[in-house]
Amino acid sequence: MPGPLTKVGTKVDLSYGIYIYAFPIQQCLTLWQVNRHGYTVYSLVSLVLAAAAAFLSWHLVEKPSLRLKDLGLRRPPRTAPQGNRPPAVPGPGAAEPVAETAAAR
């Protein structure tokens, strides 16, 4: 990306909020007949309201939630089952496994 654009979205990321809120806002604006004022007015009002909702969502929901991701809660390591594994089921069209003989072991 060009130099000036590399910092876009590093401090405040409104993309998800705009994605989530734009459609319901547009539906409400249509319900309230804002679209009768023309496409340009409808689009500008929709964009301003969606950006405002996304900004509030970022600061009130997303950013505080992102702070919680590093609380230090760790999951226990996953261990592979020891010996009690079910036999593998061959897929359709797969050759049947050859039985082991005592000499092959």
Protein backbone atom coordinates (compact mmCIF):
# COMPACT_ATOMS: atom_id res chain seq x y z
CA MET A 1 0.00 0.00 0.00
CA PRO A 2 1.14 3.56 -0.51
CA GLY A 3 2.88 5.11 2.52
CA PRO A 4 0.08 7.39 3.75
CA LEU A 5 -2.48 4.56 3.63
CA THR A 6 -0.52 2.12 5.80
CA LYS A 7 -1.84 3.70 9.00
CA VAL A 8 -5.53 3.55 8.02
CA GLY A 9 -7.44 1.55 10.62
CA THR A 10 -4.60 1.19 13.11
CA LYS A 11 -6.19 3.37 15.83
CA VAL A 12 -9.94 3.11 15.14
CA ASP A 13 -11.41 0.40 12.93
CA LEU A 14 -14.92 1.33 11.85
CA SER A 15 -15.20 -1.25 9.08
CA TYR A 16 -17.03 -3.91 11.08
CA GLY A 17 -19.43 -1.40 12.63
CA ILE A 18 -20.28 0.08 9.24
CA TYR A 19 -20.78 -3.44 7.89
CA ILE A 20 -23.15 -4.33 10.75
CA TYR A 21 -25.12 -1.09 11.06
CA ALA A 22 -25.40 0.20 7.48
CA PHE A 23 -28.18 -2.14 6.34
CA PRO A 24 -30.54 -1.62 9.31
CA ILE A 25 -29.97 2.14 9.11
CA GLN A 26 -30.75 2.16 5.38
CA GLN A 27 -33.90 0.15 6.01
CA CYS A 28 -35.05 2.60 8.68
CA LEU A 29 -34.32 5.57 6.43
CA THR A 30 -36.40 3.98 3.69
CA LEU A 31 -39.18 3.27 6.16
CA TRP A 32 -39.10 6.94 7.19
CA GLN A 33 -39.13 7.88 3.48
CA VAL A 34 -35.81 9.74 3.49
CA ASN A 35 -35.19 8.25 0.03
CA ARG A 36 -37.85 10.57 -1.45
CA HIS A 37 -35.30 13.41 -1.13
CA GLY A 38 -33.08 11.75 -3.72
CA TYR A 39 -30.32 9.19 -3.86
CA THR A 40 -27.55 11.61 -2.89
CA VAL A 41 -29.29 12.80 0.28
CA TYR A 42 -30.29 9.24 1.18
CA SER A 43 -26.74 7.97 0.69
CA LEU A 44 -25.11 10.80 2.64
CA VAL A 45 -27.51 10.48 5.58
CA SER A 46 -27.02 6.71 5.54
CA LEU A 47 -23.23 7.04 5.50
CA VAL A 48 -23.15 9.63 8.30
CA LEU A 49 -25.47 7.61 10.55
CA ALA A 50 -23.66 4.32 9.87
CA ALA A 51 -20.27 5.93 10.58
CA ALA A 52 -21.63 7.44 13.82
CA ALA A 53 -23.05 4.08 14.91
CA ALA A 54 -19.76 2.36 14.01
CA PHE A 55 -17.76 4.96 15.96
CA LEU A 56 -19.93 4.45 19.05
CA SER A 57 -19.74 0.69 18.64
CA TRP A 58 -15.94 0.79 18.37
CA HIS A 59 -15.50 2.88 21.52
CA LEU A 60 -18.27 1.34 23.65
CA VAL A 61 -18.14 -2.34 22.63
CA GLU A 62 -15.26 -3.45 20.42
CA LYS A 63 -12.30 -1.64 21.99
CA PRO A 64 -13.20 -2.61 25.59
CA SER A 65 -13.75 -6.19 24.41
CA LEU A 66 -10.34 -6.30 22.77
CA ARG A 67 -8.76 -5.33 26.10
CA LEU A 68 -10.25 -8.48 27.65
CA LYS A 69 -8.56 -10.84 25.21
CA ASP A 70 -5.24 -10.70 27.07
CA LEU A 71 -6.41 -11.37 30.61
CA GLY A 72 -3.90 -14.16 30.95
CA LEU A 73 -6.45 -16.93 30.82
CA ARG A 74 -4.72 -19.84 29.20
CA ARG A 75 -6.27 -23.03 27.91
CA PRO A 76 -4.67 -26.27 28.99
CA PRO A 77 -2.55 -27.84 26.26
CA ARG A 78 -4.32 -30.35 24.08
CA THR A 79 -2.89 -33.83 24.35
CA ALA A 80 -3.31 -36.62 21.85
CA PRO A 81 -5.34 -39.61 23.06
CA GLN A 82 -3.14 -42.46 24.25
CA GLY A 83 -4.02 -45.82 22.72
CA ASN A 84 -7.83 -45.55 22.71
CA ARG A 85 -8.12 -44.21 19.19
CA PRO A 86 -10.93 -45.62 17.06
CA PRO A 87 -9.87 -47.35 13.86
CA ALA A 88 -9.68 -45.17 10.77
CA VAL A 89 -12.62 -45.57 8.42
CA PRO A 90 -11.59 -45.64 4.77
CA GLY A 91 -13.40 -43.22 2.50
CA PRO A 92 -15.56 -44.32 -0.44
CA GLY A 93 -13.53 -45.97 -3.13
CA ALA A 94 -10.49 -46.45 -0.88
CA ALA A 95 -8.68 -49.75 -0.94
CA GLU A 96 -9.19 -52.03 2.03
CA PRO A 97 -6.22 -52.08 4.42
CA VAL A 98 -4.03 -55.13 4.24
CA ALA A 99 -4.04 -57.19 7.43
CA GLU A 100 -0.71 -57.31 9.27
CA THR A 101 0.93 -60.63 9.65
CA ALA A 102 3.14 -61.75 12.50
CA ALA A 103 6.14 -61.71 10.13
CA ALA A 104 5.51 -58.07 9.14
CA ARG A 105 5.73 -56.86 12.73
